[in-house]
Amino acid sequence: MKAPIALTIAGSDSGGGAGIQADLKTFAMLGVHGTSAVTAVTVQNTVGVSDVLEMPIALIQAQIASVVEDIGVDAAKTGMLSSSAIIDSVAAAVERHRLSKLVVDPVMVAKGGAKLLHDDAVEALREYLLPLAAVVTPNLPEAEVLLGRRIRTLDDRRRAARELVTMGARAAVVKGGHAEGDVTDVFWDGSRLVELGGERIPTNNTHGSGCVFSAAITAGLAKGADTLEAVVEAKRFVTQAIAASLEIGHGHGPVNPMFGLTAGRVDS
């Protein structure tokens, strides 16, 4: 049996709620074999991040090459890429290995507030990684950093999605979870503007929601879905994962991409 293959290029979360741990759980629940290239190891729990160790550039590149050369990759995603040097090297590897179905989750700040992207790496993200993205998935604070302006209204989100595509991404989803009121995500791929409404679930346990959303899009692309279809299904999946979020630890608990196992099945 040949399984679709997805690759996550991201950091490790020792608390298991975000990063490669969340990505691999999401891939598995959506019927995709997950592979990984670890960019950093974080000392992290539900309260916050207390330390970070970035992986050597050569080791990150070697992990990607090892997966591609033996197993192959149908779709890939990036998460925590903390420095400009890591971003540069990952972008070069994406081009070298022709990873055209790339989801860029521009991770900048952990749920507890710790910075996961150096200030001087933002320009590298704009210049080198955005133009390689099949879809980029910023939340509102991340979109504000990428675009250098405030984003407050739904109209702002529409403009932001269009601008991110102008900057090189083939599609953009500007997420509305940080907005006041509605949680509408705005998708734009150069021809289709689609607003994805959703229910705001009353919980503080949303750690890893961005990782799960972008990983679910990656899984959809790996299985052959077009970008909009993958985004729509990922929105449904992450909403269910948030609804089933876990009450663990003393801070922001994680969303639960394994909700289908608790229910005895994965909804299709």
Protein backbone atom coordinates (compact mmCIF):
# COMPACT_ATOMS: atom_id res chain seq x y z
CA MET A 1 0.00 0.00 0.00
CA LYS A 2 1.47 3.35 -1.06
CA ALA A 3 0.65 6.20 1.30
CA PRO A 4 0.79 9.92 0.54
CA ILE A 5 3.89 11.46 2.11
CA ALA A 6 4.01 14.79 3.93
CA LEU A 7 7.09 16.51 5.36
CA THR A 8 7.06 18.97 8.24
CA ILE A 9 10.07 21.28 8.58
CA ALA A 10 9.54 22.73 12.02
CA GLY A 11 10.50 22.89 15.67
CA SER A 12 9.93 20.29 18.37
CA ASP A 13 7.52 21.10 21.21
CA SER A 14 8.43 19.10 24.32
CA GLY A 15 4.87 19.60 25.59
CA GLY A 16 3.52 17.80 22.52
CA GLY A 17 0.90 20.40 21.66
CA ALA A 18 2.42 22.19 18.68
CA GLY A 19 5.32 21.94 16.24
CA ILE A 20 6.30 18.66 14.65
CA GLN A 21 4.38 16.71 17.29
CA ALA A 22 1.09 18.35 16.32
CA ASP A 23 1.94 18.07 12.62
CA LEU A 24 2.68 14.34 12.76
CA LYS A 25 -0.50 13.62 14.72
CA THR A 26 -2.51 15.58 12.15
CA PHE A 27 -0.89 13.79 9.22
CA ALA A 28 -1.63 10.41 10.79
CA MET A 29 -5.27 11.24 11.49
CA LEU A 30 -5.75 12.35 7.89
CA GLY A 31 -4.25 9.21 6.36
CA VAL A 32 -0.88 10.63 5.38
CA HIS A 33 2.53 9.28 6.35
CA GLY A 34 4.38 12.04 8.16
CA THR A 35 8.10 12.72 7.94
CA SER A 36 10.04 15.51 9.63
CA ALA A 37 13.07 17.77 9.59
CA VAL A 38 13.60 19.30 13.04
CA THR A 39 14.76 22.93 12.89
CA ALA A 40 14.89 23.59 16.64
CA VAL A 41 14.24 21.92 19.95
CA THR A 42 12.18 23.93 22.42
CA VAL A 43 11.87 23.49 26.17
CA GLN A 44 8.15 24.05 26.32
CA ASN A 45 4.97 23.21 28.20
CA THR A 46 1.49 24.73 28.39
CA VAL A 47 2.82 27.71 30.36
CA GLY A 48 5.46 28.78 27.87
CA VAL A 49 8.84 28.33 26.20
CA SER A 50 11.85 28.51 28.51
CA ASP A 51 14.68 27.61 26.11
CA VAL A 52 15.39 26.98 22.42
CA LEU A 53 18.23 25.17 20.69
CA GLU A 54 18.47 25.73 16.94
CA MET A 55 19.66 22.79 14.88
CA PRO A 56 22.82 23.18 12.76
CA ILE A 57 22.04 24.25 9.20
CA ALA A 58 23.79 21.20 7.71
CA LEU A 59 21.70 18.88 9.87
CA ILE A 60 18.43 20.52 8.80
CA GLN A 61 19.39 20.22 5.14
CA ALA A 62 20.50 16.61 5.63
CA GLN A 63 17.18 15.66 7.21
CA ILE A 64 15.25 17.08 4.27
CA ALA A 65 17.52 15.41 1.73
CA SER A 66 17.34 12.06 3.51
CA VAL A 67 13.55 12.02 3.38
CA VAL A 68 13.29 13.25 -0.21
CA GLU A 69 15.91 10.92 -1.65
CA ASP A 70 14.50 7.71 -0.16
CA ILE A 71 10.82 8.20 0.65
CA GLY A 72 9.76 11.13 -1.49
CA VAL A 73 7.52 14.03 -0.52
CA ASP A 74 4.06 14.76 -1.94
CA ALA A 75 3.62 17.98 0.07
CA ALA A 76 5.59 19.84 2.72
CA LYS A 77 5.06 22.53 5.33
CA THR A 78 7.26 24.85 7.32
CA GLY A 79 6.68 25.90 10.91
CA MET A 80 9.24 27.35 13.30
CA LEU A 81 12.20 28.67 11.30
CA SER A 82 13.73 30.94 13.89
CA SER A 83 16.65 32.59 12.08
CA SER A 84 17.39 34.09 8.69
CA ALA A 85 20.10 31.46 8.15
CA ILE A 86 17.59 28.63 8.73
CA ILE A 87 15.04 30.28 6.44
CA ASP A 88 17.64 30.75 3.71
CA SER A 89 18.76 27.13 3.94
CA VAL A 90 15.23 25.72 3.99
CA ALA A 91 14.24 27.85 1.00
CA ALA A 92 17.30 26.57 -0.87
CA ALA A 93 16.39 22.97 -0.01
CA VAL A 94 12.78 23.48 -1.12
CA GLU A 95 14.01 24.73 -4.48
CA ARG A 96 16.68 22.06 -4.81
CA HIS A 97 14.25 19.22 -4.13
CA ARG A 98 11.37 20.83 -6.05
CA LEU A 99 8.91 20.79 -3.18
CA SER A 100 6.25 22.70 -5.07
CA LYS A 101 3.36 21.89 -2.73
CA LEU A 102 4.67 23.93 0.18
CA VAL A 103 2.54 25.32 3.01
CA VAL A 104 4.26 28.16 4.87
CA ASP A 105 3.04 28.70 8.41
CA PRO A 106 4.96 31.85 9.42
CA VAL A 107 5.38 30.96 13.10
CA MET A 108 6.53 34.00 15.07
CA VAL A 109 5.26 33.81 18.65
CA ALA A 110 4.32 30.88 20.89
CA LYS A 111 0.91 30.81 22.56
CA GLY A 112 2.51 31.83 25.85
CA GLY A 113 4.13 34.88 24.23
CA ALA A 114 7.71 33.68 23.60
CA LYS A 115 9.24 34.89 20.35
CA LEU A 116 10.05 32.06 17.94
CA LEU A 117 11.33 34.18 15.04
CA HIS A 118 14.23 36.62 15.30
CA ASP A 119 13.40 40.17 14.23
CA ASP A 120 16.05 40.10 11.49
CA ALA A 121 14.53 36.93 9.99
CA VAL A 122 11.25 38.54 8.92
CA GLU A 123 12.74 39.97 5.74
CA ALA A 124 14.24 36.58 4.85
CA LEU A 125 10.79 35.04 5.29
CA ARG A 126 9.30 37.63 2.95
CA GLU A 127 12.07 37.45 0.36
CA TYR A 128 13.00 33.78 0.20
CA LEU A 129 10.12 31.67 1.52
CA LEU A 130 6.90 33.45 0.54
CA PRO A 131 7.64 33.17 -3.20
CA LEU A 132 7.93 29.37 -2.79
CA ALA A 133 4.63 28.95 -0.95
CA ALA A 134 1.68 27.17 -2.51
CA VAL A 135 -0.21 28.74 0.40
CA VAL A 136 0.80 30.89 3.36
CA THR A 137 -1.31 30.76 6.54
CA PRO A 138 -0.66 33.72 8.87
CA ASN A 139 -2.82 34.65 11.82
CA LEU A 140 -3.55 38.37 12.19
CA PRO A 141 -0.43 39.32 14.23
CA GLU A 142 1.78 37.40 11.77
CA ALA A 143 0.10 39.04 8.77
CA GLU A 144 0.64 42.44 10.38
CA VAL A 145 4.36 41.75 10.74
CA LEU A 146 4.68 40.47 7.17
CA LEU A 147 2.82 43.46 5.74
CA GLY A 148 4.01 46.12 8.17
CA ARG A 149 0.57 47.46 9.01
CA ARG A 150 -2.38 46.87 11.30
CA ILE A 151 -5.16 44.50 10.28
CA ARG A 152 -8.40 45.00 12.15
CA THR A 153 -11.45 44.59 9.93
CA LEU A 154 -12.67 41.91 7.57
CA ASP A 155 -11.86 44.26 4.70
CA ASP A 156 -8.31 44.47 6.07
CA ARG A 157 -8.09 40.68 5.94
CA ARG A 158 -9.27 40.67 2.33
CA ARG A 159 -6.61 43.22 1.37
CA ALA A 160 -3.95 41.35 3.33
CA ALA A 161 -4.65 38.07 1.53
CA ARG A 162 -4.33 39.83 -1.82
CA GLU A 163 -1.08 41.54 -0.80
CA LEU A 164 0.50 38.28 0.35
CA VAL A 165 -0.18 36.77 -3.06
CA THR A 166 1.30 39.87 -4.66
CA MET A 167 4.42 39.22 -2.56
CA GLY A 168 4.84 35.82 -4.22
CA ALA A 169 2.70 33.20 -2.48
CA ARG A 170 0.40 31.36 -4.88
CA ALA A 171 -2.40 31.51 -2.31
CA ALA A 172 -2.93 33.00 1.14
CA VAL A 173 -5.24 32.33 4.06
CA VAL A 174 -5.42 35.18 6.57
CA LYS A 175 -6.89 33.63 9.68
CA GLY A 176 -9.47 35.42 11.80
CA GLY A 177 -9.01 33.71 15.15
CA HIS A 178 -7.36 36.78 16.71
CA ALA A 179 -10.07 39.14 15.45
CA GLU A 180 -12.69 40.74 17.63
CA GLY A 181 -16.01 39.07 16.97
CA ASP A 182 -16.02 36.94 13.85
CA VAL A 183 -13.45 34.22 13.15
CA THR A 184 -13.67 34.42 9.37
CA ASP A 185 -10.60 33.26 7.47
CA VAL A 186 -10.01 34.90 4.08
CA PHE A 187 -8.59 32.86 1.18
CA TRP A 188 -7.21 34.36 -2.02
CA ASP A 189 -5.35 32.59 -4.82
CA GLY A 190 -5.23 35.30 -7.44
CA SER A 191 -8.68 34.52 -8.83
CA ARG A 192 -10.88 33.25 -5.99
CA LEU A 193 -11.69 35.25 -2.86
CA VAL A 194 -13.41 32.94 -0.39
CA GLU A 195 -14.46 33.75 3.15
CA LEU A 196 -14.49 30.79 5.51
CA GLY A 197 -16.71 31.46 8.46
CA GLY A 198 -16.59 29.47 11.66
CA GLU A 199 -17.70 29.16 15.23
CA ARG A 200 -15.67 30.80 17.99
CA ILE A 201 -15.29 28.01 20.53
CA PRO A 202 -15.07 29.29 24.12
CA THR A 203 -11.75 27.83 25.30
CA ASN A 204 -8.26 28.98 26.23
CA ASN A 205 -6.86 25.67 25.02
CA THR A 206 -5.83 26.62 21.50
CA HIS A 207 -2.12 25.80 21.65
CA GLY A 208 -1.06 24.27 18.33
CA SER A 209 -4.12 25.36 16.38
CA GLY A 210 -2.05 27.05 13.68
CA CYS A 211 0.20 24.02 13.33
CA VAL A 212 -2.77 21.66 13.03
CA PHE A 213 -4.46 23.90 10.45
CA SER A 214 -1.38 24.18 8.23
CA ALA A 215 -0.60 20.47 8.65
CA ALA A 216 -4.14 19.57 7.61
CA ILE A 217 -3.77 21.70 4.48
CA THR A 218 -0.48 19.92 3.76
CA ALA A 219 -2.16 16.52 4.17
CA GLY A 220 -4.88 17.55 1.74
CA LEU A 221 -2.34 18.68 -0.85
CA ALA A 222 -0.40 15.43 -0.38
CA LYS A 223 -3.58 13.50 -1.17
CA GLY A 224 -4.15 15.45 -4.37
CA ALA A 225 -6.69 18.09 -3.31
CA ASP A 226 -6.49 21.52 -4.85
CA THR A 227 -5.51 24.36 -2.54
CA LEU A 228 -8.98 25.70 -1.78
CA GLU A 229 -10.36 22.23 -1.15
CA ALA A 230 -7.47 21.48 1.20
CA VAL A 231 -8.02 24.75 3.07
CA VAL A 232 -11.76 24.18 3.48
CA GLU A 233 -11.20 20.67 4.85
CA ALA A 234 -8.41 21.93 7.13
CA LYS A 235 -10.73 24.59 8.57
CA ARG A 236 -13.27 21.90 9.40
CA PHE A 237 -10.59 19.68 10.93
CA VAL A 238 -9.00 22.33 13.15
CA THR A 239 -12.41 23.49 14.36
CA GLN A 240 -13.11 19.96 15.57
CA ALA A 241 -9.64 19.75 17.11
CA ILE A 242 -10.29 22.98 19.05
CA ALA A 243 -13.71 21.75 20.18
CA ALA A 244 -12.02 18.61 21.55
CA SER A 245 -9.07 20.51 23.10
CA LEU A 246 -7.36 19.04 26.13
CA GLU A 247 -7.44 20.34 29.70
CA ILE A 248 -3.85 19.60 30.64
CA GLY A 249 -1.14 21.62 32.33
CA HIS A 250 -1.49 25.00 33.99
CA GLY A 251 -1.50 27.28 30.94
CA HIS A 252 -2.86 27.08 27.40
CA GLY A 253 -3.76 23.46 26.75
CA PRO A 254 -3.41 22.00 23.26
CA VAL A 255 -5.99 21.40 20.59
CA ASN A 256 -6.62 17.74 19.94
CA PRO A 257 -6.03 16.52 16.38
CA MET A 258 -6.63 12.98 17.66
CA PHE A 259 -10.30 13.77 18.34
CA GLY A 260 -11.36 11.10 15.86
CA LEU A 261 -9.84 8.37 17.99
CA THR A 262 -11.74 9.57 21.04
CA ALA A 263 -14.94 9.40 19.04
CA GLY A 264 -13.94 6.06 17.58
CA ARG A 265 -13.69 7.44 14.07
CA VAL A 266 -12.52 10.37 11.95
CA ASP A 267 -15.39 12.29 10.33
CA SER A 268 -15.13 12.55 6.57
